[in-house]
Amino acid sequence: MLTKLYVRTRTWAESDEGATAVEYGLMVAGIAMLIILAVWALGGNLSTLFGNVSTRIGTAAP
């Protein structure tokens, strides 16, 4: 009984599934930060671009 518990505990401790989940979490957080920074940095330019496109579509429509 004690040997089985030891083996299960040892197997669980040596498993790297938790590390993989942490690595994926860090990658997702990094990508999210890059997206937020890009939107923040380009936000004004994108607003102007969409405003210009909207104006041109509005004047081109019959």
PDB file of N, CA and C in Angstrom:
ATOM      1  N   MET A   1       0.828  -1.181   0.000  1.00  0.00           N
ATOM      2  CA  MET A   1       0.000   0.000   0.000  1.00  0.00           C
ATOM      3  C   MET A   1       0.875   1.248   0.000  1.00  0.00           C
ATOM      4  N   LEU A   2       1.822   1.318   0.874  1.00  0.00           N
ATOM      5  CA  LEU A   2       2.702   2.478   0.970  1.00  0.00           C
ATOM      6  C   LEU A   2       3.571   2.602  -0.285  1.00  0.00           C
ATOM      7  N   THR A   3       3.963   1.483  -0.853  1.00  0.00           N
ATOM      8  CA  THR A   3       4.776   1.504  -2.063  1.00  0.00           C
ATOM      9  C   THR A   3       3.986   2.087  -3.231  1.00  0.00           C
ATOM     10  N   LYS A   4       2.711   1.698  -3.351  1.00  0.00           N
ATOM     11  CA  LYS A   4       1.872   2.236  -4.427  1.00  0.00           C
ATOM     12  C   LYS A   4       1.701   3.747  -4.280  1.00  0.00           C
ATOM     13  N   LEU A   5       1.502   4.208  -3.066  1.00  0.00           N
ATOM     14  CA  LEU A   5       1.368   5.631  -2.814  1.00  0.00           C
ATOM     15  C   LEU A   5       2.657   6.362  -3.186  1.00  0.00           C
ATOM     16  N   TYR A   6       3.787   5.784  -2.829  1.00  0.00           N
ATOM     17  CA  TYR A   6       5.082   6.386  -3.165  1.00  0.00           C
ATOM     18  C   TYR A   6       5.259   6.460  -4.674  1.00  0.00           C
ATOM     19  N   VAL A   7       4.931   5.386  -5.369  1.00  0.00           N
ATOM     20  CA  VAL A   7       5.102   5.355  -6.826  1.00  0.00           C
ATOM     21  C   VAL A   7       4.187   6.388  -7.485  1.00  0.00           C
ATOM     22  N   ARG A   8       2.937   6.461  -7.042  1.00  0.00           N
ATOM     23  CA  ARG A   8       2.007   7.445  -7.612  1.00  0.00           C
ATOM     24  C   ARG A   8       2.483   8.869  -7.344  1.00  0.00           C
ATOM     25  N   THR A   9       2.946   9.126  -6.146  1.00  0.00           N
ATOM     26  CA  THR A   9       3.432  10.460  -5.803  1.00  0.00           C
ATOM     27  C   THR A   9       4.660  10.809  -6.624  1.00  0.00           C
ATOM     28  N   ARG A  10       5.544   9.863  -6.763  1.00  0.00           N
ATOM     29  CA  ARG A  10       6.769  10.086  -7.538  1.00  0.00           C
ATOM     30  C   ARG A  10       6.442  10.332  -9.016  1.00  0.00           C
ATOM     31  N   THR A  11       5.518   9.563  -9.564  1.00  0.00           N
ATOM     32  CA  THR A  11       5.115   9.733 -10.959  1.00  0.00           C
ATOM     33  C   THR A  11       4.474  11.098 -11.166  1.00  0.00           C
ATOM     34  N   TRP A  12       3.624  11.518 -10.228  1.00  0.00           N
ATOM     35  CA  TRP A  12       2.959  12.816 -10.328  1.00  0.00           C
ATOM     36  C   TRP A  12       3.984  13.950 -10.239  1.00  0.00           C
ATOM     37  N   ALA A  13       4.955  13.825  -9.368  1.00  0.00           N
ATOM     38  CA  ALA A  13       5.964  14.857  -9.180  1.00  0.00           C
ATOM     39  C   ALA A  13       6.874  14.992 -10.396  1.00  0.00           C
ATOM     40  N   GLU A  14       7.115  13.891 -11.090  1.00  0.00           N
ATOM     41  CA  GLU A  14       7.999  13.925 -12.254  1.00  0.00           C
ATOM     42  C   GLU A  14       7.271  14.277 -13.541  1.00  0.00           C
ATOM     43  N   SER A  15       5.958  14.354 -13.476  1.00  0.00           N
ATOM     44  CA  SER A  15       5.177  14.697 -14.651  1.00  0.00           C
ATOM     45  C   SER A  15       5.440  16.147 -15.042  1.00  0.00           C
ATOM     46  N   ASP A  16       5.503  16.413 -16.359  1.00  0.00           N
ATOM     47  CA  ASP A  16       5.755  17.782 -16.811  1.00  0.00           C
ATOM     48  C   ASP A  16       4.520  18.424 -17.425  1.00  0.00           C
ATOM     49  N   GLU A  17       3.347  17.872 -17.187  1.00  0.00           N
ATOM     50  CA  GLU A  17       2.127  18.444 -17.745  1.00  0.00           C
ATOM     51  C   GLU A  17       1.857  19.834 -17.179  1.00  0.00           C
ATOM     52  N   GLY A  18       2.102  20.040 -15.921  1.00  0.00           N
ATOM     53  CA  GLY A  18       1.889  21.346 -15.307  1.00  0.00           C
ATOM     54  C   GLY A  18       2.814  22.395 -15.887  1.00  0.00           C
ATOM     55  N   ALA A  19       4.047  22.020 -16.147  1.00  0.00           N
ATOM     56  CA  ALA A  19       5.005  22.962 -16.723  1.00  0.00           C
ATOM     57  C   ALA A  19       4.562  23.374 -18.119  1.00  0.00           C
ATOM     58  N   THR A  20       4.016  22.448 -18.877  1.00  0.00           N
ATOM     59  CA  THR A  20       3.547  22.765 -20.215  1.00  0.00           C
ATOM     60  C   THR A  20       2.405  23.763 -20.148  1.00  0.00           C
ATOM     61  N   ALA A  21       1.480  23.575 -19.226  1.00  0.00           N
ATOM     62  CA  ALA A  21       0.362  24.502 -19.077  1.00  0.00           C
ATOM     63  C   ALA A  21       0.854  25.889 -18.697  1.00  0.00           C
ATOM     64  N   VAL A  22       1.851  25.956 -17.832  1.00  0.00           N
ATOM     65  CA  VAL A  22       2.413  27.252 -17.442  1.00  0.00           C
ATOM     66  C   VAL A  22       3.080  27.918 -18.638  1.00  0.00           C
ATOM     67  N   GLU A  23       3.791  27.148 -19.428  1.00  0.00           N
ATOM     68  CA  GLU A  23       4.452  27.712 -20.606  1.00  0.00           C
ATOM     69  C   GLU A  23       3.431  28.266 -21.591  1.00  0.00           C
ATOM     70  N   TYR A  24       2.356  27.525 -21.841  1.00  0.00           N
ATOM     71  CA  TYR A  24       1.311  28.018 -22.735  1.00  0.00           C
ATOM     72  C   TYR A  24       0.661  29.275 -22.160  1.00  0.00           C
ATOM     73  N   GLY A  25       0.449  29.304 -20.873  1.00  0.00           N
ATOM     74  CA  GLY A  25      -0.124  30.487 -20.241  1.00  0.00           C
ATOM     75  C   GLY A  25       0.756  31.708 -20.416  1.00  0.00           C
ATOM     76  N   LEU A  26       2.057  31.525 -20.262  1.00  0.00           N
ATOM     77  CA  LEU A  26       2.991  32.644 -20.452  1.00  0.00           C
ATOM     78  C   LEU A  26       3.007  33.115 -21.907  1.00  0.00           C
ATOM     79  N   MET A  27       2.943  32.188 -22.843  1.00  0.00           N
ATOM     80  CA  MET A  27       2.908  32.572 -24.255  1.00  0.00           C
ATOM     81  C   MET A  27       1.641  33.357 -24.574  1.00  0.00           C
ATOM     82  N   VAL A  28       0.505  32.911 -24.072  1.00  0.00           N
ATOM     83  CA  VAL A  28      -0.756  33.609 -24.321  1.00  0.00           C
ATOM     84  C   VAL A  28      -0.709  35.007 -23.708  1.00  0.00           C
ATOM     85  N   ALA A  29      -0.173  35.119 -22.507  1.00  0.00           N
ATOM     86  CA  ALA A  29      -0.068  36.429 -21.869  1.00  0.00           C
ATOM     87  C   ALA A  29       0.842  37.361 -22.671  1.00  0.00           C
ATOM     88  N   GLY A  30       1.943  36.834 -23.174  1.00  0.00           N
ATOM     89  CA  GLY A  30       2.859  37.648 -23.982  1.00  0.00           C
ATOM     90  C   GLY A  30       2.222  38.112 -25.279  1.00  0.00           C
ATOM     91  N   ILE A  31       1.497  37.223 -25.943  1.00  0.00           N
ATOM     92  CA  ILE A  31       0.823  37.593 -27.186  1.00  0.00           C
ATOM     93  C   ILE A  31      -0.248  38.640 -26.912  1.00  0.00           C
ATOM     94  N   ALA A  32      -0.988  38.465 -25.831  1.00  0.00           N
ATOM     95  CA  ALA A  32      -2.022  39.446 -25.475  1.00  0.00           C
ATOM     96  C   ALA A  32      -1.398  40.812 -25.212  1.00  0.00           C
ATOM     97  N   MET A  33      -0.269  40.838 -24.542  1.00  0.00           N
ATOM     98  CA  MET A  33       0.400  42.117 -24.278  1.00  0.00           C
ATOM     99  C   MET A  33       0.849  42.772 -25.578  1.00  0.00           C
ATOM    100  N   LEU A  34       1.366  41.987 -26.526  1.00  0.00           N
ATOM    101  CA  LEU A  34       1.785  42.550 -27.807  1.00  0.00           C
ATOM    102  C   LEU A  34       0.602  43.127 -28.575  1.00  0.00           C
ATOM    103  N   ILE A  35      -0.520  42.436 -28.547  1.00  0.00           N
ATOM    104  CA  ILE A  35      -1.711  42.933 -29.237  1.00  0.00           C
ATOM    105  C   ILE A  35      -2.185  44.235 -28.603  1.00  0.00           C
ATOM    106  N   ILE A  36      -2.220  44.273 -27.285  1.00  0.00           N
ATOM    107  CA  ILE A  36      -2.654  45.485 -26.587  1.00  0.00           C
ATOM    108  C   ILE A  36      -1.723  46.654 -26.908  1.00  0.00           C
ATOM    109  N   LEU A  37      -0.422  46.412 -26.892  1.00  0.00           N
ATOM    110  CA  LEU A  37       0.532  47.480 -27.210  1.00  0.00           C
ATOM    111  C   LEU A  37       0.384  47.957 -28.657  1.00  0.00           C
ATOM    112  N   ALA A  38       0.161  47.034 -29.584  1.00  0.00           N
ATOM    113  CA  ALA A  38      -0.003  47.422 -30.987  1.00  0.00           C
ATOM    114  C   ALA A  38      -1.262  48.263 -31.183  1.00  0.00           C
ATOM    115  N   VAL A  39      -2.349  47.850 -30.568  1.00  0.00           N
ATOM    116  CA  VAL A  39      -3.593  48.617 -30.687  1.00  0.00           C
ATOM    117  C   VAL A  39      -3.435  49.983 -30.043  1.00  0.00           C
ATOM    118  N   TRP A  40      -2.768  50.044 -28.915  1.00  0.00           N
ATOM    119  CA  TRP A  40      -2.561  51.320 -28.225  1.00  0.00           C
ATOM    120  C   TRP A  40      -1.686  52.248 -29.076  1.00  0.00           C
ATOM    121  N   ALA A  41      -0.632  51.697 -29.646  1.00  0.00           N
ATOM    122  CA  ALA A  41       0.303  52.515 -30.420  1.00  0.00           C
ATOM    123  C   ALA A  41      -0.310  52.976 -31.742  1.00  0.00           C
ATOM    124  N   LEU A  42      -1.110  52.123 -32.367  1.00  0.00           N
ATOM    125  CA  LEU A  42      -1.680  52.450 -33.671  1.00  0.00           C
ATOM    126  C   LEU A  42      -3.113  52.945 -33.587  1.00  0.00           C
ATOM    127  N   GLY A  43      -3.648  53.079 -32.404  1.00  0.00           N
ATOM    128  CA  GLY A  43      -5.057  53.429 -32.226  1.00  0.00           C
ATOM    129  C   GLY A  43      -5.455  54.715 -32.919  1.00  0.00           C
ATOM    130  N   GLY A  44      -4.687  55.772 -32.748  1.00  0.00           N
ATOM    131  CA  GLY A  44      -5.000  57.049 -33.382  1.00  0.00           C
ATOM    132  C   GLY A  44      -4.939  56.970 -34.894  1.00  0.00           C
ATOM    133  N   ASN A  45      -3.930  56.307 -35.406  1.00  0.00           N
ATOM    134  CA  ASN A  45      -3.782  56.168 -36.855  1.00  0.00           C
ATOM    135  C   ASN A  45      -4.922  55.348 -37.439  1.00  0.00           C
ATOM    136  N   LEU A  46      -5.326  54.287 -36.750  1.00  0.00           N
ATOM    137  CA  LEU A  46      -6.418  53.461 -37.252  1.00  0.00           C
ATOM    138  C   LEU A  46      -7.730  54.231 -37.246  1.00  0.00           C
ATOM    139  N   SER A  47      -7.950  55.040 -36.229  1.00  0.00           N
ATOM    140  CA  SER A  47      -9.165  55.847 -36.158  1.00  0.00           C
ATOM    141  C   SER A  47      -9.215  56.826 -37.325  1.00  0.00           C
ATOM    142  N   THR A  48      -8.107  57.464 -37.630  1.00  0.00           N
ATOM    143  CA  THR A  48      -8.033  58.388 -38.756  1.00  0.00           C
ATOM    144  C   THR A  48      -8.255  57.660 -40.075  1.00  0.00           C
ATOM    145  N   LEU A  49      -7.638  56.504 -40.227  1.00  0.00           N
ATOM    146  CA  LEU A  49      -7.782  55.715 -41.446  1.00  0.00           C
ATOM    147  C   LEU A  49      -9.236  55.327 -41.676  1.00  0.00           C
ATOM    148  N   PHE A  50      -9.894  54.803 -40.641  1.00  0.00           N
ATOM    149  CA  PHE A  50     -11.282  54.397 -40.795  1.00  0.00           C
ATOM    150  C   PHE A  50     -12.181  55.610 -41.033  1.00  0.00           C
ATOM    151  N   GLY A  51     -11.859  56.737 -40.426  1.00  0.00           N
ATOM    152  CA  GLY A  51     -12.617  57.966 -40.678  1.00  0.00           C
ATOM    153  C   GLY A  51     -12.503  58.408 -42.130  1.00  0.00           C
ATOM    154  N   ASN A  52     -11.290  58.350 -42.682  1.00  0.00           N
ATOM    155  CA  ASN A  52     -11.087  58.716 -44.090  1.00  0.00           C
ATOM    156  C   ASN A  52     -11.835  57.770 -45.019  1.00  0.00           C
ATOM    157  N   VAL A  53     -11.769  56.476 -44.743  1.00  0.00           N
ATOM    158  CA  VAL A  53     -12.468  55.502 -45.582  1.00  0.00           C
ATOM    159  C   VAL A  53     -13.978  55.744 -45.508  1.00  0.00           C
ATOM    160  N   SER A  54     -14.486  56.001 -44.316  1.00  0.00           N
ATOM    161  CA  SER A  54     -15.907  56.264 -44.153  1.00  0.00           C
ATOM    162  C   SER A  54     -16.338  57.509 -44.933  1.00  0.00           C
ATOM    163  N   THR A  55     -15.517  58.547 -44.878  1.00  0.00           N
ATOM    164  CA  THR A  55     -15.831  59.778 -45.610  1.00  0.00           C
ATOM    165  C   THR A  55     -15.830  59.526 -47.107  1.00  0.00           C
ATOM    166  N   ARG A  56     -14.859  58.797 -47.602  1.00  0.00           N
ATOM    167  CA  ARG A  56     -14.780  58.521 -49.047  1.00  0.00           C
ATOM    168  C   ARG A  56     -15.939  57.647 -49.503  1.00  0.00           C
ATOM    169  N   ILE A  57     -16.341  56.702 -48.697  1.00  0.00           N
ATOM    170  CA  ILE A  57     -17.476  55.865 -49.064  1.00  0.00           C
ATOM    171  C   ILE A  57     -18.750  56.706 -49.060  1.00  0.00           C
ATOM    172  N   GLY A  58     -18.849  57.594 -48.069  1.00  0.00           N
ATOM    173  CA  GLY A  58     -20.028  58.459 -47.990  1.00  0.00           C
ATOM    174  C   GLY A  58     -20.144  59.400 -49.173  1.00  0.00           C
ATOM    175  N   THR A  59     -19.036  59.936 -49.660  1.00  0.00           N
ATOM    176  CA  THR A  59     -19.081  60.845 -50.802  1.00  0.00           C
ATOM    177  C   THR A  59     -19.204  60.095 -52.117  1.00  0.00           C
ATOM    178  N   ALA A  60     -18.811  58.850 -52.182  1.00  0.00           N
ATOM    179  CA  ALA A  60     -18.880  58.075 -53.419  1.00  0.00           C
ATOM    180  C   ALA A  60     -20.253  57.447 -53.620  1.00  0.00           C
ATOM    181  N   ALA A  61     -21.020  57.320 -52.553  1.00  0.00           N
ATOM    182  CA  ALA A  61     -22.341  56.703 -52.669  1.00  0.00           C
ATOM    183  C   ALA A  61     -23.296  57.658 -53.365  1.00  0.00           C
ATOM    184  N   PRO A  62     -24.186  57.143 -54.217  1.00  0.00           N
ATOM    185  CA  PRO A  62     -25.137  58.020 -54.935  1.00  0.00           C
ATOM    186  C   PRO A  62     -26.190  58.614 -54.040  1.00  0.00           C
TER     187      PRO A  62
END
